[in-house]
Amino acid sequence: MSENIKGYDTETLGLRLSLLVGSLRASGILDEGGCIHLNAVPVTSVVDGELLAKLCPNCDKQLPVHS
């Protein structure tokens, strides 16, 4: 029998967590290193100010504009 945490068994919580992490990774919010890119800063063109990408200063990953 599995343990119980606030009314949920640990197997159910583990499955929910696994699904959440999978969807966060699929959407690009969470990368394999565990960074969720909360402090991503815009990278703009010096020519016309167009938003080109975003850069996460925590993990140094370049992110697409829509993230």
C-alpha atoms as a PDB file:
ATOM      1  CA  MET A   1       0.000   0.000   0.000  1.00  0.00           C
ATOM      2  CA  SER A   2       1.339   3.448  -0.892  1.00  0.00           C
ATOM      3  CA  GLU A   3       1.816   6.308   1.544  1.00  0.00           C
ATOM      4  CA  ASN A   4      -0.688   9.106   1.894  1.00  0.00           C
ATOM      5  CA  ILE A   5       0.077  12.848   1.775  1.00  0.00           C
ATOM      6  CA  LYS A   6      -2.853  15.182   2.537  1.00  0.00           C
ATOM      7  CA  GLY A   7      -5.365  12.777   1.082  1.00  0.00           C
ATOM      8  CA  TYR A   8      -3.358  11.792  -2.016  1.00  0.00           C
ATOM      9  CA  ASP A   9      -1.448   8.574  -2.326  1.00  0.00           C
ATOM     10  CA  THR A  10       2.186   9.008  -3.341  1.00  0.00           C
ATOM     11  CA  GLU A  11       1.708   7.029  -6.565  1.00  0.00           C
ATOM     12  CA  THR A  12      -0.944   9.504  -7.759  1.00  0.00           C
ATOM     13  CA  LEU A  13       1.222  12.472  -6.767  1.00  0.00           C
ATOM     14  CA  GLY A  14       4.214  10.963  -8.554  1.00  0.00           C
ATOM     15  CA  LEU A  15       2.196  10.440 -11.736  1.00  0.00           C
ATOM     16  CA  ARG A  16       0.829  13.993 -11.615  1.00  0.00           C
ATOM     17  CA  LEU A  17       4.309  15.414 -11.080  1.00  0.00           C
ATOM     18  CA  SER A  18       5.703  13.352 -13.944  1.00  0.00           C
ATOM     19  CA  LEU A  19       2.958  14.594 -16.290  1.00  0.00           C
ATOM     20  CA  LEU A  20       3.516  18.201 -15.196  1.00  0.00           C
ATOM     21  CA  VAL A  21       7.283  18.035 -15.716  1.00  0.00           C
ATOM     22  CA  GLY A  22       6.760  16.377 -19.112  1.00  0.00           C
ATOM     23  CA  SER A  23       4.394  19.090 -20.287  1.00  0.00           C
ATOM     24  CA  LEU A  24       6.690  21.864 -18.992  1.00  0.00           C
ATOM     25  CA  ARG A  25       9.607  20.332 -20.895  1.00  0.00           C
ATOM     26  CA  ALA A  26       7.531  19.868 -24.068  1.00  0.00           C
ATOM     27  CA  SER A  27       6.474  23.508 -23.979  1.00  0.00           C
ATOM     28  CA  GLY A  28      10.058  24.697 -23.459  1.00  0.00           C
ATOM     29  CA  ILE A  29       9.375  26.189 -20.040  1.00  0.00           C
ATOM     30  CA  LEU A  30      11.544  23.661 -18.216  1.00  0.00           C
ATOM     31  CA  ASP A  31      14.770  22.433 -19.771  1.00  0.00           C
ATOM     32  CA  GLU A  32      16.747  19.283 -19.004  1.00  0.00           C
ATOM     33  CA  GLY A  33      18.940  21.223 -16.572  1.00  0.00           C
ATOM     34  CA  GLY A  34      15.931  22.218 -14.503  1.00  0.00           C
ATOM     35  CA  CYS A  35      15.933  25.934 -15.348  1.00  0.00           C
ATOM     36  CA  ILE A  36      12.508  27.511 -15.859  1.00  0.00           C
ATOM     37  CA  HIS A  37      13.936  30.736 -17.338  1.00  0.00           C
ATOM     38  CA  LEU A  38      12.076  33.138 -15.032  1.00  0.00           C
ATOM     39  CA  ASN A  39      14.608  35.927 -15.588  1.00  0.00           C
ATOM     40  CA  ALA A  40      14.808  35.700 -19.398  1.00  0.00           C
ATOM     41  CA  VAL A  41      15.639  39.070 -20.936  1.00  0.00           C
ATOM     42  CA  PRO A  42      14.760  40.299 -24.419  1.00  0.00           C
ATOM     43  CA  VAL A  43      17.402  40.399 -27.154  1.00  0.00           C
ATOM     44  CA  THR A  44      16.609  43.204 -29.585  1.00  0.00           C
ATOM     45  CA  SER A  45      18.087  44.353 -32.858  1.00  0.00           C
ATOM     46  CA  VAL A  46      20.257  47.472 -32.579  1.00  0.00           C
ATOM     47  CA  VAL A  47      19.141  48.394 -36.100  1.00  0.00           C
ATOM     48  CA  ASP A  48      15.361  48.496 -35.728  1.00  0.00           C
ATOM     49  CA  GLY A  49      14.578  47.398 -32.162  1.00  0.00           C
ATOM     50  CA  GLU A  50      12.899  44.175 -33.314  1.00  0.00           C
ATOM     51  CA  LEU A  51      12.653  41.468 -30.666  1.00  0.00           C
ATOM     52  CA  LEU A  52      14.921  38.680 -31.904  1.00  0.00           C
ATOM     53  CA  ALA A  53      15.001  36.225 -29.010  1.00  0.00           C
ATOM     54  CA  LYS A  54      15.202  35.976 -25.248  1.00  0.00           C
ATOM     55  CA  LEU A  55      18.229  35.004 -23.193  1.00  0.00           C
ATOM     56  CA  CYS A  56      18.149  33.364 -19.791  1.00  0.00           C
ATOM     57  CA  PRO A  57      20.958  34.780 -17.642  1.00  0.00           C
ATOM     58  CA  ASN A  58      20.646  31.871 -15.195  1.00  0.00           C
ATOM     59  CA  CYS A  59      21.517  29.102 -17.660  1.00  0.00           C
ATOM     60  CA  ASP A  60      22.695  31.167 -20.674  1.00  0.00           C
ATOM     61  CA  LYS A  61      20.138  29.551 -22.981  1.00  0.00           C
ATOM     62  CA  GLN A  62      18.743  31.420 -25.975  1.00  0.00           C
ATOM     63  CA  LEU A  63      14.949  31.132 -26.102  1.00  0.00           C
ATOM     64  CA  PRO A  64      12.503  31.798 -28.914  1.00  0.00           C
ATOM     65  CA  VAL A  65      10.618  35.085 -28.911  1.00  0.00           C
ATOM     66  CA  HIS A  66       7.268  33.502 -28.008  1.00  0.00           C
ATOM     67  CA  SER A  67       8.515  31.919 -24.747  1.00  0.00           C
END
